[in-house]
Protein backbone atom coordinates (compact mmCIF):
# COMPACT_ATOMS: atom_id res chain seq x y z
CA MET A 1 75.15 36.77 -50.09
CA VAL A 2 74.33 35.92 -53.87
CA ILE A 3 73.97 39.45 -55.75
CA THR A 4 71.28 38.49 -58.96
CA LYS A 5 70.93 40.19 -61.28
CA SER A 6 67.08 40.78 -60.05
CA VAL A 7 68.74 41.69 -57.27
CA THR A 8 70.61 43.68 -59.02
CA ARG A 9 67.97 45.89 -61.18
CA ALA A 10 65.58 46.34 -58.48
CA PHE A 11 68.76 48.23 -56.26
CA LEU A 12 69.60 50.37 -58.91
CA VAL A 13 65.02 51.35 -59.62
CA ALA A 14 65.02 51.99 -55.72
CA MET A 15 68.41 54.38 -55.88
CA LEU A 16 67.40 56.13 -58.82
CA LEU A 17 63.35 56.80 -57.35
CA VAL A 18 65.33 58.05 -54.45
CA GLY A 19 67.86 59.79 -56.40
CA PHE A 20 65.21 61.40 -58.87
CA GLY A 21 62.34 61.44 -57.12
CA GLN A 22 58.95 62.05 -59.35
CA ALA A 23 60.32 64.23 -61.87
CA SER A 24 58.77 67.61 -62.41
CA ALA A 25 59.06 70.08 -65.44
CA SER A 26 62.24 71.79 -64.05
CA GLU A 27 64.22 68.30 -64.23
CA THR A 28 65.93 65.57 -66.44
CA LEU A 29 64.05 63.85 -67.95
CA ARG A 30 64.72 59.81 -67.91
CA LEU A 31 63.90 57.98 -71.02
CA ALA A 32 64.43 54.39 -71.20
CA LEU A 33 65.36 52.69 -75.17
CA GLY A 34 65.67 48.58 -75.38
CA TYR A 35 68.20 49.15 -78.65
CA PRO A 36 72.24 49.12 -77.33
CA PRO A 37 73.92 52.54 -77.51
CA GLY A 38 75.11 54.22 -81.01
CA SER A 39 72.27 52.39 -82.50
CA LYS A 40 70.50 54.04 -84.68
CA ALA A 41 67.21 54.17 -82.59
CA ASP A 42 69.29 55.43 -79.95
CA GLU A 43 71.18 58.09 -82.75
CA VAL A 44 67.19 59.38 -83.06
CA MET A 45 65.99 59.07 -79.66
CA GLN A 46 69.87 61.65 -78.41
CA LYS A 47 68.11 63.63 -81.58
CA TYR A 48 64.99 63.82 -79.75
CA ALA A 49 66.53 65.25 -76.67
CA GLU A 50 68.40 67.42 -78.33
CA THR A 51 64.74 69.07 -79.58
CA VAL A 52 63.03 69.14 -76.59
CA LYS A 53 65.64 70.75 -75.55
CA GLN A 54 64.95 73.21 -78.81
CA TYR A 55 61.65 73.49 -78.76
CA THR A 56 60.99 73.86 -74.81
CA ASP A 57 63.70 77.11 -75.14
CA GLY A 58 66.01 75.14 -72.10
CA SER A 59 63.08 74.58 -69.42
CA LEU A 60 63.15 71.10 -70.01
CA SER A 61 65.90 68.50 -70.68
CA VAL A 62 65.96 64.74 -71.72
CA LYS A 63 68.32 62.08 -70.60
CA VAL A 64 69.03 58.81 -72.72
CA TYR A 65 69.72 55.35 -71.18
CA PRO A 66 70.60 52.72 -74.36
CA MET A 67 69.17 49.51 -72.69
CA SER A 68 70.45 49.76 -69.27
CA LEU A 69 67.90 51.65 -66.95
CA LEU A 70 64.87 49.32 -68.68
CA SER A 71 64.49 45.98 -71.28
CA ALA A 72 62.33 46.47 -74.05
CA ALA A 73 59.71 44.28 -72.44
CA GLU A 74 60.45 46.51 -69.38
CA ILE A 75 59.66 49.86 -70.73
CA SER A 76 55.66 49.77 -70.63
CA ASP A 77 55.63 49.18 -66.51
CA GLY A 78 58.93 51.18 -66.05
CA VAL A 79 56.98 54.16 -67.32
CA ARG A 80 53.66 53.67 -65.94
CA ASP A 81 55.34 53.27 -62.67
CA GLY A 82 57.37 56.37 -63.11
CA ILE A 83 60.90 54.56 -63.03
CA ALA A 84 61.06 56.30 -66.71
CA ASP A 85 59.49 59.48 -66.98
CA ILE A 86 59.91 58.69 -70.98
CA GLY A 87 59.80 55.27 -72.72
CA VAL A 88 59.94 53.86 -76.08
CA MET A 89 57.77 51.19 -76.06
CA TYR A 90 56.81 48.54 -78.10
CA THR A 91 53.14 47.44 -77.89
CA VAL A 92 53.79 44.27 -79.93
CA TYR A 93 55.47 42.79 -76.37
CA PHE A 94 51.84 43.54 -74.26
CA PRO A 95 49.17 41.91 -76.35
CA ALA A 96 46.66 41.98 -73.41
CA MET A 97 47.22 46.04 -72.72
CA TYR A 98 47.31 47.24 -76.27
CA PRO A 99 44.66 45.16 -78.56
CA HIS A 100 43.25 48.38 -80.21
CA THR A 101 46.81 49.76 -81.17
CA ASN A 102 48.35 46.01 -82.20
CA LEU A 103 45.44 45.60 -84.45
CA VAL A 104 45.87 48.07 -86.67
CA ASN A 105 49.90 47.72 -86.42
CA GLU A 106 49.12 44.23 -87.84
CA SER A 107 47.11 45.11 -90.92
CA ALA A 108 50.39 46.64 -92.39
CA MET A 109 51.27 43.53 -94.88
CA GLN A 110 48.15 45.25 -96.91
CA LEU A 111 51.10 47.20 -98.15
CA LEU A 112 52.16 44.49 -100.30
CA LEU A 113 49.08 44.62 -101.85
CA LEU A 114 49.15 48.65 -102.92
CA ASP A 115 50.38 49.71 -105.99
CA PRO A 116 54.62 49.57 -105.75
CA GLU A 117 54.57 52.51 -108.35
CA THR A 118 52.52 54.17 -106.14
CA LEU A 119 53.92 53.99 -103.19
CA ASN A 120 57.20 55.18 -104.29
CA GLY A 121 59.33 53.34 -102.12
CA LYS A 122 57.88 55.36 -99.41
CA GLU A 123 55.48 53.51 -97.48
CA ALA A 124 57.10 53.67 -94.00
CA LEU A 125 56.37 57.67 -94.50
CA ALA A 126 52.92 56.96 -95.03
CA PHE A 127 52.22 54.02 -92.57
CA GLU A 128 53.89 56.53 -90.12
CA GLY A 129 51.70 59.56 -91.03
CA ALA A 130 48.54 57.02 -91.51
CA MET A 131 49.21 55.43 -87.68
CA SER A 132 49.96 58.18 -85.60
CA GLU A 133 46.60 60.45 -86.92
CA PHE A 134 44.55 57.37 -86.64
CA THR A 135 46.15 57.01 -82.71
CA LEU A 136 45.33 60.89 -82.37
CA PHE A 137 41.95 61.35 -83.27
CA HIS A 138 40.47 57.67 -84.58
CA CYS A 139 41.27 55.69 -82.03
CA PRO A 140 39.94 56.57 -78.49
CA GLU A 141 40.56 52.79 -77.60
CA CYS A 142 44.00 53.01 -78.18
CA LEU A 143 44.13 56.42 -76.72
CA THR A 144 42.45 53.96 -73.59
CA GLU A 145 44.66 51.30 -73.50
CA TYR A 146 47.62 54.57 -72.84
CA GLU A 147 45.48 55.93 -69.95
CA LYS A 148 45.44 52.39 -68.33
CA GLN A 149 48.73 51.78 -68.32
CA ASN A 150 49.46 55.44 -66.96
CA GLN A 151 51.22 56.69 -70.31
CA VAL A 152 50.50 59.45 -73.05
CA TYR A 153 51.34 58.81 -75.98
CA THR A 154 53.37 61.88 -77.58
CA ALA A 155 55.41 60.49 -81.02
CA ASN A 156 55.37 57.27 -83.42
CA ALA A 157 58.11 55.10 -84.68
CA THR A 158 58.37 52.99 -87.34
CA SER A 159 60.54 50.47 -88.96
CA ILE A 160 61.47 50.17 -92.80
CA SER A 161 59.57 46.87 -94.64
CA TYR A 162 60.21 43.69 -93.26
CA GLY A 163 62.16 40.74 -94.61
CA LEU A 164 63.44 37.38 -93.46
CA LEU A 165 67.26 37.40 -92.02
CA CYS A 166 68.22 33.63 -92.23
CA THR A 167 70.81 31.20 -91.33
CA THR A 168 70.18 29.61 -94.62
CA PRO A 169 68.42 30.27 -97.66
CA VAL A 170 64.55 30.36 -97.64
CA THR A 171 63.08 31.46 -100.42
CA ASN A 172 60.41 29.17 -101.51
CA LYS A 173 57.74 26.99 -100.00
CA ALA A 174 59.75 23.71 -99.58
CA GLN A 175 62.72 26.14 -97.31
CA LEU A 176 60.22 27.62 -95.41
CA LYS A 177 58.97 24.27 -94.11
CA GLY A 178 59.56 23.50 -90.61
CA LYS A 179 62.08 26.64 -90.02
CA ARG A 180 61.98 28.03 -86.76
CA ILE A 181 61.41 32.23 -87.16
CA ARG A 182 60.96 34.46 -84.71
CA VAL A 183 58.09 37.08 -85.09
CA ALA A 184 57.31 40.33 -84.15
CA GLY A 185 53.37 40.27 -84.22
CA SER A 186 50.79 37.83 -84.44
CA HIS A 187 49.97 38.57 -88.36
CA TRP A 188 53.57 37.44 -89.17
CA SER A 189 52.98 34.01 -86.46
CA ARG A 190 50.19 33.66 -88.76
CA TRP A 191 51.64 34.28 -91.97
CA ALA A 192 55.05 31.50 -90.76
CA GLN A 193 52.18 29.28 -90.02
CA HIS A 194 50.48 29.42 -92.85
CA PHE A 195 53.60 27.60 -95.32
CA GLY A 196 54.69 25.66 -92.26
CA ALA A 197 57.22 27.06 -90.30
CA SER A 198 56.46 28.33 -86.68
CA SER A 199 56.81 31.02 -84.67
CA VAL A 200 59.02 32.37 -82.01
CA SER A 201 58.13 35.07 -79.75
CA LEU A 202 61.77 36.47 -78.36
CA THR A 203 61.99 40.14 -78.06
CA ILE A 204 65.34 42.61 -80.33
CA ASN A 205 67.66 41.95 -77.41
CA GLU A 206 67.62 38.38 -77.87
CA THR A 207 67.54 37.76 -81.19
CA LEU A 208 71.18 37.51 -81.95
CA GLU A 209 71.36 35.19 -79.65
CA GLY A 210 68.81 33.23 -81.14
CA LEU A 211 69.99 33.09 -83.76
CA SER A 212 73.42 32.22 -83.30
CA GLN A 213 72.30 29.68 -80.87
CA GLY A 214 69.95 28.11 -83.48
CA VAL A 215 67.09 28.43 -81.05
CA ILE A 216 65.42 30.31 -84.10
CA ASP A 217 66.72 29.92 -88.04
CA CYS A 218 64.98 33.53 -89.09
CA SER A 219 64.39 37.04 -88.09
CA ILE A 220 61.39 38.18 -89.63
CA THR A 221 62.72 42.25 -89.17
CA SER A 222 64.46 45.01 -91.66
CA PRO A 223 68.26 44.82 -92.93
CA VAL A 224 68.95 47.81 -90.51
CA GLU A 225 69.35 45.53 -87.42
CA LEU A 226 72.25 43.83 -89.37
CA ILE A 227 73.74 47.25 -87.84
CA ASN A 228 71.75 47.78 -85.29
CA LEU A 229 71.29 44.49 -83.10
CA GLY A 230 74.97 42.88 -84.31
CA LEU A 231 72.86 40.29 -86.73
CA GLY A 232 75.53 40.34 -89.77
CA GLU A 233 77.65 38.39 -86.93
CA VAL A 234 75.52 35.19 -87.70
CA VAL A 235 73.03 36.03 -91.28
CA THR A 236 73.72 34.67 -94.10
CA ASP A 237 71.24 35.01 -96.40
CA MET A 238 67.69 37.27 -96.63
CA THR A 239 65.01 37.60 -98.44
CA LEU A 240 63.84 41.03 -98.13
CA ALA A 241 60.69 40.79 -100.34
CA ILE A 242 58.79 38.52 -97.53
CA PRO A 243 56.81 38.54 -95.46
CA GLY A 244 56.44 42.26 -96.08
CA GLY A 245 54.74 44.80 -93.77
CA LEU A 246 56.32 46.58 -91.23
CA TYR A 247 56.24 47.22 -87.72
CA ALA A 248 54.69 50.45 -86.31
CA GLY A 249 53.18 49.67 -83.17
CA ALA A 250 55.98 52.02 -81.00
CA SER A 251 54.98 54.23 -78.98
CA ALA A 252 58.62 56.67 -79.63
CA ALA A 253 57.76 58.93 -76.70
CA GLY A 254 55.60 57.54 -74.31
CA PHE A 255 55.03 59.93 -71.20
CA ASN A 256 54.68 59.07 -67.77
CA ARG A 257 50.75 60.18 -67.36
CA ASN A 258 52.41 62.24 -64.29
CA VAL A 259 54.86 63.82 -65.71
CA TRP A 260 53.09 64.60 -68.74
CA GLN A 261 50.31 66.28 -66.35
CA GLY A 262 53.07 68.33 -64.47
CA LEU A 263 54.16 69.89 -67.65
CA THR A 264 52.58 73.81 -68.41
CA GLU A 265 51.19 73.92 -71.83
CA GLU A 266 53.47 75.42 -73.68
CA GLN A 267 55.75 72.73 -73.14
CA ARG A 268 53.32 69.78 -73.74
CA ARG A 269 53.23 71.39 -77.15
CA ALA A 270 56.90 71.69 -77.88
CA ILE A 271 56.98 68.11 -76.66
CA LEU A 272 54.39 67.39 -79.34
CA ARG A 273 56.50 69.46 -81.82
CA ALA A 274 59.41 67.14 -80.72
CA GLY A 275 57.41 64.06 -81.38
CA ALA A 276 56.94 65.21 -84.84
CA SER A 277 60.27 65.40 -85.49
CA THR A 278 61.33 61.74 -83.84
CA THR A 279 58.08 60.62 -85.71
CA ALA A 280 59.64 61.70 -88.96
CA LEU A 281 63.08 60.64 -88.17
CA SER A 282 62.83 57.74 -87.16
CA PRO A 283 61.45 56.11 -90.91
CA TRP A 284 63.79 58.33 -92.42
CA ALA A 285 66.29 57.29 -90.50
CA SER A 286 66.00 53.52 -90.92
CA LEU A 287 65.78 54.63 -94.58
CA GLU A 288 69.08 55.85 -94.70
CA GLN A 289 70.85 53.23 -92.95
CA LYS A 290 69.26 50.94 -95.20
CA GLU A 291 71.87 51.38 -97.46
CA GLU A 292 74.54 50.84 -95.78
CA ALA A 293 73.00 47.68 -94.54
CA MET A 294 73.18 46.28 -97.60
CA ALA A 295 76.79 47.23 -97.94
CA LEU A 296 77.37 45.44 -94.65
CA ALA A 297 75.83 42.34 -96.37
CA ASP A 298 77.77 42.64 -99.84
CA LYS A 299 80.92 42.99 -97.50
CA GLU A 300 80.06 39.97 -94.75
CA GLY A 301 79.17 37.93 -98.45
CA ILE A 302 75.07 37.58 -96.83
CA LYS A 303 73.48 36.35 -99.87
CA GLN A 304 70.16 38.15 -100.66
CA HIS A 305 67.91 36.00 -102.84
CA ASP A 306 64.49 36.92 -104.85
CA PRO A 307 61.30 34.67 -103.51
CA ASP A 308 59.94 31.85 -105.98
CA PRO A 309 56.84 34.07 -107.66
CA GLU A 310 54.76 31.24 -106.08
CA LEU A 311 55.44 31.85 -102.91
CA MET A 312 55.41 35.53 -103.38
CA ALA A 313 51.67 35.52 -104.77
CA ALA A 314 50.55 32.54 -102.34
CA THR A 315 51.93 35.58 -99.27
CA ARG A 316 49.87 38.10 -101.52
CA GLU A 317 46.78 35.98 -100.92
CA PHE A 318 47.71 35.40 -97.10
CA VAL A 319 47.40 38.86 -96.86
CA LYS A 320 44.28 39.18 -98.58
CA ALA A 321 42.37 36.84 -95.98
CA ASP A 322 44.13 37.58 -93.72
CA MET A 323 42.74 41.32 -93.27
CA ASN A 324 39.13 39.42 -91.74
CA THR A 325 41.41 37.16 -89.58
CA ILE A 326 43.43 40.19 -88.00
CA VAL A 327 39.72 41.55 -86.99
CA ASP A 328 38.21 37.93 -85.86
CA TYR A 329 41.32 36.86 -84.12
CA TYR A 330 41.56 40.36 -81.94
CA ALA A 331 37.56 39.81 -81.04
CA LYS A 332 37.70 35.92 -79.77
CA ASN A 333 41.19 37.49 -77.83
CA HIS A 334 41.02 40.92 -76.78
CA GLY A 335 37.70 41.60 -77.03
CA VAL A 336 38.08 43.89 -79.67
CA LYS A 337 34.40 45.56 -81.15
CA ARG A 338 35.16 47.25 -83.93
CA GLY A 339 38.56 45.89 -85.92
CA LYS A 340 36.45 46.04 -89.27
CA GLU A 341 35.24 49.56 -88.93
CA MET A 342 38.71 50.26 -87.61
CA LEU A 343 41.09 48.66 -90.14
CA ASP A 344 38.91 50.13 -93.18
CA SER A 345 39.23 53.48 -91.42
CA PHE A 346 42.69 53.55 -91.29
CA HIS A 347 42.94 52.24 -94.87
CA ASP A 348 41.44 54.95 -95.89
CA ILE A 349 43.72 57.65 -93.87
CA LEU A 350 46.85 55.09 -95.25
CA VAL A 351 45.61 55.72 -98.89
CA ARG A 352 45.73 59.48 -97.96
CA TRP A 353 48.70 59.29 -96.60
CA VAL A 354 50.75 57.24 -99.88
CA ASP A 355 49.74 60.49 -101.51
CA LEU A 356 50.62 63.03 -99.36
CA VAL A 357 55.15 61.58 -98.40
CA GLN A 358 55.35 61.80 -102.17
CA ASP A 359 56.83 64.91 -102.35
CA VAL A 360 59.19 64.68 -99.66
CA ASP A 361 62.63 64.95 -99.98
CA SER A 362 63.79 65.32 -96.39
CA ALA A 363 63.46 64.87 -92.91
CA GLU A 364 62.95 68.20 -92.11
CA GLU A 365 60.43 68.63 -94.95
CA LEU A 366 58.62 65.32 -93.41
CA GLU A 367 58.81 66.90 -89.73
CA LYS A 368 56.63 70.09 -91.11
CA LEU A 369 54.47 67.38 -92.57
CA TYR A 370 53.99 65.30 -89.44
CA TRP A 371 53.63 68.68 -87.29
CA ASP A 372 50.99 70.59 -89.81
CA GLU A 373 48.89 67.57 -90.84
CA ILE A 374 48.48 65.49 -86.72
CA PHE A 375 50.83 66.85 -84.09
CA SER A 376 49.36 70.60 -83.97
CA LYS A 377 45.82 69.64 -84.13
CA VAL A 378 46.50 68.38 -80.58
CA ASP A 379 44.40 70.08 -77.98
CA VAL A 380 47.15 70.72 -75.41
CA ALA A 381 44.91 72.13 -72.81
CA SER A 382 42.63 69.24 -72.96
CA TYR A 383 45.19 66.02 -74.06
CA GLY A 384 46.65 63.96 -71.87
CA MET A 385 44.97 65.03 -68.51
CA LYS A 386 41.70 64.12 -67.61
């Protein structure tokens, strides 16, 4: 008998379901993560497990399964079906399931239009806060998307700013034309196509192989993936100022709804407290790791480029026009009815958060800010309970 990977995975899943059954408040909760062991994402979620235990006074425990229980592309369905109790889930992989969340996430390139001095290098902290607040209190459609997938949103995750990580220099329009670029959103796909490149959809787990085998020439991602995904082995050139934006469409601790409803109110409040911690640690850890990534780039001889001013200006013009394109795209392809209203509302919240994060100097301060301004205001008696 030939044992295939799919048969093996199905057998493991069956054994997990038999061995664990439906998780309850007294059992260890299984968290699926699409990043590998030892990555910064793994470290962040291991810290999440610690904070869950701390804030629940030991009544709940979490075991993290980095890139083992479920792949990144399997996490949404896996949490829905109870294979995992919690998942770090990237909505971009499921455009038809999470269109409202993805619409707002894809507006992140608007950060290029804000004053860099006003952002003060804290754009990820501001966008993370705005995304969390908007999802919980201003986007009932977003919460409905999670509900339809039998999930409850309890934390967010964001990257730092995205740039081009390539196997060849890409600094101007001529060099960009014809390149095959891995993207993590249709806005970056449109940007690539606007300048004559082609976009390729790969999961995070496929990026290293895609670059090493020449399937893609570049990946639009943050420089920390030189470490987390091992891209430092194959990347030779980086242009980090373009295309800009970041990725914030990640449910950092999406709960299986049945598991969530089996918790006490005190435990649900504690989970949200841990969620505030993880929501803060996600961008903060990436900002800290960026220094390590840039040191690795220097060690490996990875060349760092500034974009041609003409390409930079053209990118900003693209972003201005793309705000309307995003609305039209999601209306036409996914039936999103109030896209412009959503983006206008989100922009106002983002501007507020740019101001709120300016005095934050530590992950602990950011956690307190997110808790006070966002997660503490959730009504745990009703949230996720219908």
